[in-house]
C-alpha atoms as a PDB file:
ATOM      1  CA  UNK A   1     108.561  91.670 130.755  1.00  0.00           C
ATOM      2  CA  UNK A   2     112.168  90.941 129.962  1.00  0.00           C
ATOM      3  CA  UNK A   3     114.664  93.083 128.122  1.00  0.00           C
ATOM      4  CA  UNK A   4     118.020  91.361 127.998  1.00  0.00           C
ATOM      5  CA  UNK A   5     120.962  91.479 125.634  1.00  0.00           C
ATOM      6  CA  UNK A   6     124.062  89.339 125.499  1.00  0.00           C
ATOM      7  CA  UNK A   7     127.109  88.855 123.338  1.00  0.00           C
ATOM      8  CA  UNK A   8     126.588  85.852 121.069  1.00  0.00           C
ATOM      9  CA  UNK A   9     128.946  83.038 120.100  1.00  0.00           C
ATOM     10  CA  UNK A  10     129.864  82.274 116.517  1.00  0.00           C
ATOM     11  CA  UNK A  11     126.971  81.245 114.266  1.00  0.00           C
ATOM     12  CA  UNK A  12     126.714  77.764 112.796  1.00  0.00           C
ATOM     13  CA  UNK A  13     125.053  76.756 109.546  1.00  0.00           C
ATOM     14  CA  UNK A  14     122.680  73.816 109.019  1.00  0.00           C
ATOM     15  CA  UNK A  15     121.236  72.821 105.670  1.00  0.00           C
ATOM     16  CA  UNK A  16     118.556  75.207 104.417  1.00  0.00           C
ATOM     17  CA  UNK A  17     118.832  77.302 107.579  1.00  0.00           C
ATOM     18  CA  UNK A  18     121.283  79.416 109.486  1.00  0.00           C
ATOM     19  CA  UNK A  19     121.486  78.444 113.147  1.00  0.00           C
ATOM     20  CA  UNK A  20     121.428  81.790 114.947  1.00  0.00           C
ATOM     21  CA  UNK A  21     121.688  82.714 118.616  1.00  0.00           C
ATOM     22  CA  UNK A  22     119.046  84.672 120.521  1.00  0.00           C
ATOM     23  CA  UNK A  23     120.518  87.936 121.834  1.00  0.00           C
ATOM     24  CA  UNK A  24     117.419  89.748 123.178  1.00  0.00           C
ATOM     25  CA  UNK A  25     113.863  88.878 124.198  1.00  0.00           C
ATOM     26  CA  UNK A  26     111.037  91.280 125.032  1.00  0.00           C
ATOM     27  CA  UNK A  27     107.693  89.990 126.327  1.00  0.00           C
ATOM     28  CA  UNK A  28     105.229  92.820 125.707  1.00  0.00           C
ATOM     29  CA  UNK A  29     102.010  91.141 126.882  1.00  0.00           C
ATOM     30  CA  UNK A  30     100.653  87.668 127.546  1.00  0.00           C
ATOM     31  CA  UNK A  31     100.134  87.262 123.811  1.00  0.00           C
ATOM     32  CA  UNK A  32     102.925  89.271 122.146  1.00  0.00           C
ATOM     33  CA  UNK A  33     106.723  89.178 122.227  1.00  0.00           C
ATOM     34  CA  UNK A  34     109.776  90.172 120.208  1.00  0.00           C
ATOM     35  CA  UNK A  35     113.249  88.722 119.928  1.00  0.00           C
ATOM     36  CA  UNK A  36     116.540  89.356 118.168  1.00  0.00           C
ATOM     37  CA  UNK A  37     119.167  86.955 116.909  1.00  0.00           C
ATOM     38  CA  UNK A  38     122.626  87.087 115.455  1.00  0.00           C
ATOM     39  CA  UNK A  39     122.806  87.559 111.676  1.00  0.00           C
ATOM     40  CA  UNK A  40     125.062  85.613 109.379  1.00  0.00           C
ATOM     41  CA  UNK A  41     127.120  88.077 107.274  1.00  0.00           C
ATOM     42  CA  UNK A  42     126.055  86.278 104.098  1.00  0.00           C
ATOM     43  CA  UNK A  43     122.327  86.876 104.694  1.00  0.00           C
ATOM     44  CA  UNK A  44     121.101  89.701 102.463  1.00  0.00           C
ATOM     45  CA  UNK A  45     117.545  90.995 102.422  1.00  0.00           C
ATOM     46  CA  UNK A  46     115.482  94.036 101.526  1.00  0.00           C
ATOM     47  CA  UNK A  47     113.628  95.885 104.272  1.00  0.00           C
ATOM     48  CA  UNK A  48     110.066  94.548 104.351  1.00  0.00           C
ATOM     49  CA  UNK A  49     110.887  90.963 103.354  1.00  0.00           C
ATOM     50  CA  UNK A  50     110.262  87.829 105.414  1.00  0.00           C
ATOM     51  CA  UNK A  51     112.153  84.616 106.158  1.00  0.00           C
ATOM     52  CA  UNK A  52     111.270  81.248 107.597  1.00  0.00           C
ATOM     53  CA  UNK A  53     111.995  81.178 111.340  1.00  0.00           C
ATOM     54  CA  UNK A  54     111.663  78.356 113.819  1.00  0.00           C
ATOM     55  CA  UNK A  55     113.136  75.646 115.950  1.00  0.00           C
ATOM     56  CA  UNK A  56     114.470  72.163 115.534  1.00  0.00           C
ATOM     57  CA  UNK A  57     111.919  69.756 117.013  1.00  0.00           C
ATOM     58  CA  UNK A  58     112.557  66.022 117.144  1.00  0.00           C
ATOM     59  CA  UNK A  59     115.424  66.471 114.708  1.00  0.00           C
ATOM     60  CA  UNK A  60     113.332  68.315 112.125  1.00  0.00           C
ATOM     61  CA  UNK A  61     112.828  72.037 111.424  1.00  0.00           C
ATOM     62  CA  UNK A  62     109.488  73.480 112.575  1.00  0.00           C
ATOM     63  CA  UNK A  63     109.238  76.904 110.928  1.00  0.00           C
ATOM     64  CA  UNK A  64     106.827  79.621 109.796  1.00  0.00           C
ATOM     65  CA  UNK A  65     107.128  82.854 107.847  1.00  0.00           C
ATOM     66  CA  UNK A  66     108.157  85.916 109.861  1.00  0.00           C
ATOM     67  CA  UNK A  67     108.630  89.432 108.546  1.00  0.00           C
ATOM     68  CA  UNK A  68     112.045  90.755 109.505  1.00  0.00           C
ATOM     69  CA  UNK A  69     111.434  93.668 111.868  1.00  0.00           C
ATOM     70  CA  UNK A  70     114.978  95.014 111.738  1.00  0.00           C
ATOM     71  CA  UNK A  71     116.152  97.156 108.798  1.00  0.00           C
ATOM     72  CA  UNK A  72     118.393  95.692 106.117  1.00  0.00           C
ATOM     73  CA  UNK A  73     121.429  97.551 107.453  1.00  0.00           C
ATOM     74  CA  UNK A  74     121.200  96.217 111.030  1.00  0.00           C
ATOM     75  CA  UNK A  75     123.726  93.685 112.297  1.00  0.00           C
ATOM     76  CA  UNK A  76     121.042  91.627 114.056  1.00  0.00           C
ATOM     77  CA  UNK A  77     117.684  90.170 113.021  1.00  0.00           C
ATOM     78  CA  UNK A  78     114.549  91.156 114.912  1.00  0.00           C
ATOM     79  CA  UNK A  79     111.137  89.466 114.877  1.00  0.00           C
ATOM     80  CA  UNK A  80     107.715  90.298 116.331  1.00  0.00           C
ATOM     81  CA  UNK A  81     105.450  87.389 117.229  1.00  0.00           C
ATOM     82  CA  UNK A  82     102.169  86.349 118.752  1.00  0.00           C
ATOM     83  CA  UNK A  83     101.961  83.614 121.377  1.00  0.00           C
ATOM     84  CA  UNK A  84      99.536  80.790 120.698  1.00  0.00           C
ATOM     85  CA  UNK A  85      99.334  78.463 123.742  1.00  0.00           C
ATOM     86  CA  UNK A  86      98.687  75.353 121.631  1.00  0.00           C
ATOM     87  CA  UNK A  87     100.386  76.552 118.443  1.00  0.00           C
ATOM     88  CA  UNK A  88     102.862  73.999 117.048  1.00  0.00           C
ATOM     89  CA  UNK A  89     105.624  76.599 116.804  1.00  0.00           C
ATOM     90  CA  UNK A  90     104.785  79.630 118.933  1.00  0.00           C
ATOM     91  CA  UNK A  91     103.953  77.503 121.991  1.00  0.00           C
ATOM     92  CA  UNK A  92     107.654  76.623 121.925  1.00  0.00           C
ATOM     93  CA  UNK A  93     109.123  79.798 120.447  1.00  0.00           C
ATOM     94  CA  UNK A  94     107.637  82.024 123.167  1.00  0.00           C
ATOM     95  CA  UNK A  95     109.808  80.207 125.717  1.00  0.00           C
ATOM     96  CA  UNK A  96     113.153  81.032 124.076  1.00  0.00           C
ATOM     97  CA  UNK A  97     115.772  82.779 126.170  1.00  0.00           C
ATOM     98  CA  UNK A  98     118.962  84.676 125.454  1.00  0.00           C
ATOM     99  CA  UNK A  99     121.596  82.191 124.346  1.00  0.00           C
ATOM    100  CA  UNK A 100     119.149  79.737 122.763  1.00  0.00           C
ATOM    101  CA  UNK A 101     119.402  78.860 119.081  1.00  0.00           C
ATOM    102  CA  UNK A 102     116.784  79.333 116.369  1.00  0.00           C
ATOM    103  CA  UNK A 103     116.612  78.466 112.693  1.00  0.00           C
ATOM    104  CA  UNK A 104     116.634  81.293 110.139  1.00  0.00           C
ATOM    105  CA  UNK A 105     115.880  80.548 106.490  1.00  0.00           C
ATOM    106  CA  UNK A 106     118.532  81.410 103.926  1.00  0.00           C
ATOM    107  CA  UNK A 107     116.153  82.845 101.317  1.00  0.00           C
ATOM    108  CA  UNK A 108     114.369  86.085 102.271  1.00  0.00           C
ATOM    109  CA  UNK A 109     111.404  86.921 100.047  1.00  0.00           C
ATOM    110  CA  UNK A 110     108.138  88.848 100.043  1.00  0.00           C
ATOM    111  CA  UNK A 111     106.124  91.519  98.289  1.00  0.00           C
ATOM    112  CA  UNK A 112     106.421  94.339 100.823  1.00  0.00           C
ATOM    113  CA  UNK A 113     109.388  96.009  99.179  1.00  0.00           C
ATOM    114  CA  UNK A 114     109.766  99.471  97.687  1.00  0.00           C
ATOM    115  CA  UNK A 115     110.460  98.082  94.222  1.00  0.00           C
ATOM    116  CA  UNK A 116     106.891  96.785  94.063  1.00  0.00           C
ATOM    117  CA  UNK A 117     105.518 100.342  94.060  1.00  0.00           C
ATOM    118  CA  UNK A 118     105.376 103.047  91.441  1.00  0.00           C
ATOM    119  CA  UNK A 119     106.824 106.446  92.389  1.00  0.00           C
ATOM    120  CA  UNK A 120     104.507 108.514  94.571  1.00  0.00           C
ATOM    121  CA  UNK A 121     104.275 111.323  97.077  1.00  0.00           C
ATOM    122  CA  UNK A 122     102.830 109.652 100.156  1.00  0.00           C
ATOM    123  CA  UNK A 123     103.404 106.125 101.486  1.00  0.00           C
ATOM    124  CA  UNK A 124     100.934 104.443 103.832  1.00  0.00           C
ATOM    125  CA  UNK A 125     102.128 101.334 105.669  1.00  0.00           C
ATOM    126  CA  UNK A 126      98.945  99.803 107.048  1.00  0.00           C
ATOM    127  CA  UNK A 127      99.366  97.041 109.625  1.00  0.00           C
ATOM    128  CA  UNK A 128      97.192  95.174 112.103  1.00  0.00           C
ATOM    129  CA  UNK A 129      98.561  93.211 115.065  1.00  0.00           C
ATOM    130  CA  UNK A 130     101.973  91.717 114.331  1.00  0.00           C
ATOM    131  CA  UNK A 131     101.491  92.955 110.768  1.00  0.00           C
ATOM    132  CA  UNK A 132     103.421  95.953 112.091  1.00  0.00           C
ATOM    133  CA  UNK A 133     106.660  93.963 111.754  1.00  0.00           C
ATOM    134  CA  UNK A 134     107.637  94.901 108.181  1.00  0.00           C
ATOM    135  CA  UNK A 135     107.008  98.590 108.955  1.00  0.00           C
ATOM    136  CA  UNK A 136     109.521  98.339 111.803  1.00  0.00           C
ATOM    137  CA  UNK A 137     112.053  97.461 109.140  1.00  0.00           C
ATOM    138  CA  UNK A 138     110.975  99.911 106.446  1.00  0.00           C
ATOM    139  CA  UNK A 139     110.477 102.866 108.797  1.00  0.00           C
ATOM    140  CA  UNK A 140     114.161 102.578 109.716  1.00  0.00           C
ATOM    141  CA  UNK A 141     115.347 102.417 106.103  1.00  0.00           C
ATOM    142  CA  UNK A 142     116.644 105.750 104.712  1.00  0.00           C
ATOM    143  CA  UNK A 143     115.609 104.768 101.176  1.00  0.00           C
ATOM    144  CA  UNK A 144     111.938 105.021 102.158  1.00  0.00           C
ATOM    145  CA  UNK A 145     112.376 108.719 102.926  1.00  0.00           C
ATOM    146  CA  UNK A 146     114.323 109.295  99.741  1.00  0.00           C
ATOM    147  CA  UNK A 147     111.395 107.979  97.697  1.00  0.00           C
ATOM    148  CA  UNK A 148     108.462 109.559  99.565  1.00  0.00           C
ATOM    149  CA  UNK A 149     107.674 112.990 101.007  1.00  0.00           C
ATOM    150  CA  UNK A 150     105.323 111.587 103.664  1.00  0.00           C
ATOM    151  CA  UNK A 151     105.509 108.193 105.382  1.00  0.00           C
ATOM    152  CA  UNK A 152     102.479 107.172 107.446  1.00  0.00           C
ATOM    153  CA  UNK A 153     102.514 104.044 109.618  1.00  0.00           C
ATOM    154  CA  UNK A 154      99.142 102.847 110.914  1.00  0.00           C
ATOM    155  CA  UNK A 155      98.872 100.145 113.579  1.00  0.00           C
ATOM    156  CA  UNK A 156      95.486  98.731 114.568  1.00  0.00           C
ATOM    157  CA  UNK A 157      95.180  96.485 117.639  1.00  0.00           C
ATOM    158  CA  UNK A 158      92.488  95.277 120.014  1.00  0.00           C
ATOM    159  CA  UNK A 159      93.857  96.698 123.270  1.00  0.00           C
ATOM    160  CA  UNK A 160      96.035  99.686 124.151  1.00  0.00           C
ATOM    161  CA  UNK A 161      98.666  97.398 125.674  1.00  0.00           C
ATOM    162  CA  UNK A 162      99.090  95.826 122.235  1.00  0.00           C
ATOM    163  CA  UNK A 163     100.505  99.049 120.786  1.00  0.00           C
ATOM    164  CA  UNK A 164     104.018  97.693 121.095  1.00  0.00           C
ATOM    165  CA  UNK A 165     106.762  99.837 119.534  1.00  0.00           C
ATOM    166  CA  UNK A 166     104.674 102.975 120.054  1.00  0.00           C
ATOM    167  CA  UNK A 167     107.650 104.591 121.774  1.00  0.00           C
ATOM    168  CA  UNK A 168     109.882 103.724 118.820  1.00  0.00           C
ATOM    169  CA  UNK A 169     107.697 105.702 116.408  1.00  0.00           C
ATOM    170  CA  UNK A 170     106.765 108.570 118.713  1.00  0.00           C
ATOM    171  CA  UNK A 171     110.099 109.182 120.431  1.00  0.00           C
ATOM    172  CA  UNK A 172     113.057 107.046 119.438  1.00  0.00           C
ATOM    173  CA  UNK A 173     113.041 107.448 115.664  1.00  0.00           C
ATOM    174  CA  UNK A 174     112.468 111.245 115.608  1.00  0.00           C
ATOM    175  CA  UNK A 175     115.378 111.596 118.054  1.00  0.00           C
ATOM    176  CA  UNK A 176     117.616 108.885 116.620  1.00  0.00           C
ATOM    177  CA  UNK A 177     121.253 109.919 116.263  1.00  0.00           C
ATOM    178  CA  UNK A 178     121.480 108.837 112.632  1.00  0.00           C
ATOM    179  CA  UNK A 179     117.884 108.595 111.399  1.00  0.00           C
ATOM    180  CA  UNK A 180     116.314 111.485 113.288  1.00  0.00           C
ATOM    181  CA  UNK A 181     117.187 114.123 110.717  1.00  0.00           C
ATOM    182  CA  UNK A 182     115.972 111.881 107.876  1.00  0.00           C
ATOM    183  CA  UNK A 183     112.576 111.008 109.367  1.00  0.00           C
ATOM    184  CA  UNK A 184     111.857 114.426 110.889  1.00  0.00           C
ATOM    185  CA  UNK A 185     108.842 115.979 109.225  1.00  0.00           C
ATOM    186  CA  UNK A 186     108.174 112.865 107.126  1.00  0.00           C
ATOM    187  CA  UNK A 187     107.303 109.963 109.437  1.00  0.00           C
ATOM    188  CA  UNK A 188     103.856 109.902 111.053  1.00  0.00           C
ATOM    189  CA  UNK A 189     102.461 107.206 113.336  1.00  0.00           C
ATOM    190  CA  UNK A 190      98.713 106.540 113.550  1.00  0.00           C
ATOM    191  CA  UNK A 191      97.721 103.962 116.216  1.00  0.00           C
ATOM    192  CA  UNK A 192      94.122 102.770 116.531  1.00  0.00           C
ATOM    193  CA  UNK A 193      92.409 100.500 119.073  1.00  0.00           C
ATOM    194  CA  UNK A 194      89.224  98.509 118.477  1.00  0.00           C
ATOM    195  CA  UNK A 195      88.148  97.165 121.888  1.00  0.00           C
ATOM    196  CA  UNK A 196      89.155  99.794 124.448  1.00  0.00           C
ATOM    197  CA  UNK A 197      88.827 103.577 124.766  1.00  0.00           C
ATOM    198  CA  UNK A 198      91.707 105.368 123.032  1.00  0.00           C
ATOM    199  CA  UNK A 199      92.347 108.667 121.294  1.00  0.00           C
ATOM    200  CA  UNK A 200      91.632 106.887 118.000  1.00  0.00           C
ATOM    201  CA  UNK A 201      89.154 104.013 117.964  1.00  0.00           C
ATOM    202  CA  UNK A 202      88.042 101.696 115.188  1.00  0.00           C
ATOM    203  CA  UNK A 203      89.081  99.309 112.461  1.00  0.00           C
ATOM    204  CA  UNK A 204      91.428 100.838 109.924  1.00  0.00           C
ATOM    205  CA  UNK A 205      89.025  99.901 107.121  1.00  0.00           C
ATOM    206  CA  UNK A 206      86.273 101.976 108.738  1.00  0.00           C
ATOM    207  CA  UNK A 207      88.636 104.875 109.385  1.00  0.00           C
ATOM    208  CA  UNK A 208      89.595 104.886 105.705  1.00  0.00           C
ATOM    209  CA  UNK A 209      86.066 104.601 104.308  1.00  0.00           C
ATOM    210  CA  UNK A 210      84.665 107.223 106.715  1.00  0.00           C
ATOM    211  CA  UNK A 211      87.513 109.594 105.918  1.00  0.00           C
ATOM    212  CA  UNK A 212      88.447 110.010 109.583  1.00  0.00           C
ATOM    213  CA  UNK A 213      92.002 108.775 108.970  1.00  0.00           C
ATOM    214  CA  UNK A 214      92.636 111.595 106.524  1.00  0.00           C
ATOM    215  CA  UNK A 215      90.884 114.201 108.659  1.00  0.00           C
ATOM    216  CA  UNK A 216      93.011 113.249 111.656  1.00  0.00           C
ATOM    217  CA  UNK A 217      96.207 113.416 109.597  1.00  0.00           C
ATOM    218  CA  UNK A 218      95.217 116.562 107.747  1.00  0.00           C
ATOM    219  CA  UNK A 219      95.835 115.008 104.336  1.00  0.00           C
ATOM    220  CA  UNK A 220      93.619 114.564 101.238  1.00  0.00           C
ATOM    221  CA  UNK A 221      91.677 111.290 100.716  1.00  0.00           C
ATOM    222  CA  UNK A 222      93.410 108.445  98.909  1.00  0.00           C
ATOM    223  CA  UNK A 223      94.445 109.299  95.358  1.00  0.00           C
ATOM    224  CA  UNK A 224      96.043 106.608  93.165  1.00  0.00           C
ATOM    225  CA  UNK A 225      98.011 109.317  91.367  1.00  0.00           C
ATOM    226  CA  UNK A 226     100.103 110.152  94.428  1.00  0.00           C
ATOM    227  CA  UNK A 227      99.348 107.769  97.313  1.00  0.00           C
ATOM    228  CA  UNK A 228     101.008 104.369  97.640  1.00  0.00           C
ATOM    229  CA  UNK A 229     100.123 101.679 100.176  1.00  0.00           C
ATOM    230  CA  UNK A 230     101.670  98.607 101.756  1.00  0.00           C
ATOM    231  CA  UNK A 231      99.330  96.259 103.634  1.00  0.00           C
ATOM    232  CA  UNK A 232     100.059  93.557 106.209  1.00  0.00           C
ATOM    233  CA  UNK A 233      97.607  91.860 108.545  1.00  0.00           C
ATOM    234  CA  UNK A 234      95.062  89.098 108.902  1.00  0.00           C
ATOM    235  CA  UNK A 235      93.384  87.610 105.798  1.00  0.00           C
ATOM    236  CA  UNK A 236      89.980  89.249 106.370  1.00  0.00           C
ATOM    237  CA  UNK A 237      91.287  92.774 106.862  1.00  0.00           C
ATOM    238  CA  UNK A 238      93.645  92.379 103.893  1.00  0.00           C
ATOM    239  CA  UNK A 239      90.748  91.301 101.691  1.00  0.00           C
ATOM    240  CA  UNK A 240      88.695  94.301 102.824  1.00  0.00           C
ATOM    241  CA  UNK A 241      91.557  96.752 102.348  1.00  0.00           C
ATOM    242  CA  UNK A 242      92.367  95.385  98.912  1.00  0.00           C
ATOM    243  CA  UNK A 243      88.760  95.804  97.788  1.00  0.00           C
ATOM    244  CA  UNK A 244      88.658  99.368  99.138  1.00  0.00           C
ATOM    245  CA  UNK A 245      91.712 100.211  97.046  1.00  0.00           C
ATOM    246  CA  UNK A 246      90.511  98.440  93.912  1.00  0.00           C
ATOM    247  CA  UNK A 247      87.222 100.359  94.171  1.00  0.00           C
ATOM    248  CA  UNK A 248      89.239 103.580  94.210  1.00  0.00           C
ATOM    249  CA  UNK A 249      91.123 102.726  91.040  1.00  0.00           C
ATOM    250  CA  UNK A 250      94.270 101.321  92.603  1.00  0.00           C
ATOM    251  CA  UNK A 251      96.328  98.595  90.925  1.00  0.00           C
ATOM    252  CA  UNK A 252      98.138  95.900  92.900  1.00  0.00           C
ATOM    253  CA  UNK A 253     101.855  95.750  92.254  1.00  0.00           C
ATOM    254  CA  UNK A 254     104.813  93.406  92.444  1.00  0.00           C
ATOM    255  CA  UNK A 255     108.544  93.646  91.826  1.00  0.00           C
ATOM    256  CA  UNK A 256     107.959  92.318  88.312  1.00  0.00           C
ATOM    257  CA  UNK A 257     105.168  94.830  87.697  1.00  0.00           C
ATOM    258  CA  UNK A 258     105.155  97.790  90.139  1.00  0.00           C
ATOM    259  CA  UNK A 259     101.748  99.156  91.108  1.00  0.00           C
ATOM    260  CA  UNK A 260      99.944 101.452  93.537  1.00  0.00           C
ATOM    261  CA  UNK A 261      99.812  99.026  96.470  1.00  0.00           C
ATOM    262  CA  UNK A 262     101.321  95.747  97.669  1.00  0.00           C
ATOM    263  CA  UNK A 263     100.194  93.340 100.368  1.00  0.00           C
ATOM    264  CA  UNK A 264     101.650  90.416 102.299  1.00  0.00           C
ATOM    265  CA  UNK A 265      99.693  87.303 103.170  1.00  0.00           C
ATOM    266  CA  UNK A 266     102.568  85.156 104.386  1.00  0.00           C
ATOM    267  CA  UNK A 267     102.143  85.392 108.146  1.00  0.00           C
ATOM    268  CA  UNK A 268      99.637  83.124 109.862  1.00  0.00           C
ATOM    269  CA  UNK A 269      98.876  82.387 113.491  1.00  0.00           C
ATOM    270  CA  UNK A 270     100.541  79.125 114.419  1.00  0.00           C
END
C-alpha cells in the first residue's frame, strides 16, 4: 500500500484533455487502487458525473470513463479504479506514481446527478465494486443532505478487503470538521460481501428482494412515492436492479425528465 501526497507543478493543456499531475496514489489490494490529480480551475462538474481519464500511449490518448470520486467543491480530482493485468489502459494506469501526468477529459457528463431525480425523502446510492466512486463524490456534497432526510450508501464487494473507503463512511465523514454536522443523523453506510463471512452477506439484489436490507436499516420497503435511487455497477447487476425497481412502479429519470431512479453504465473493465 502507498499513501503519498506531493505539491504539483503547474498544469498544462493538450487538445481535448487537460494534462494533470498525480498527487496521491493508494493501492488498496492487488486489484483495486485510487489516485488523485491536480484540477484545472476551468474544469466544472456536478458531483456524480464522470470524465474520460487515461494516458498518452504512442502519441495517442488511451482513455476510459471514470466517475469522479471527489466532490465538486474539492481542489483535486480523485478516481477509484480496478487493475486488469492485461487491460489496455489499467495495466498501465495502475503503475502511475506521484508526479506522473494523466489525461483528464474536458467535458464531464453522466446521469448520476441530483437533477435527474424527483424530490423525495430517502436517497439510496447503490454501488458494486468500483461503482462506489460516484457515491464518494455525492456523499461529500452538502446539497445531497439539503434535498434528502436520509442518505443510504450501499457497497457490495466480493471480499472484505475490497470494502475500500469503509473508514471514510464510518468515521471520517461523521467527524469531518465541515461536513460532520451536515451528515450526522442522515448518512448511513451499508456494506455487503458476497464471497466471505461478514456481518452482512449477499448480493444487493437479493438483500432488496428479501427485505433484509430494510430490516437491517430499520426503514420501510421501497416506495416510489418517497424513495429515490442511484445505481452504479456492472451491467448484469444494473439490469437486475433496474427490473426490480420497474416491477415496483419506479420510473427511470434523467436531467431532461427527472424520475425515481437513475443509473450509470459508463464504466467498464479495461
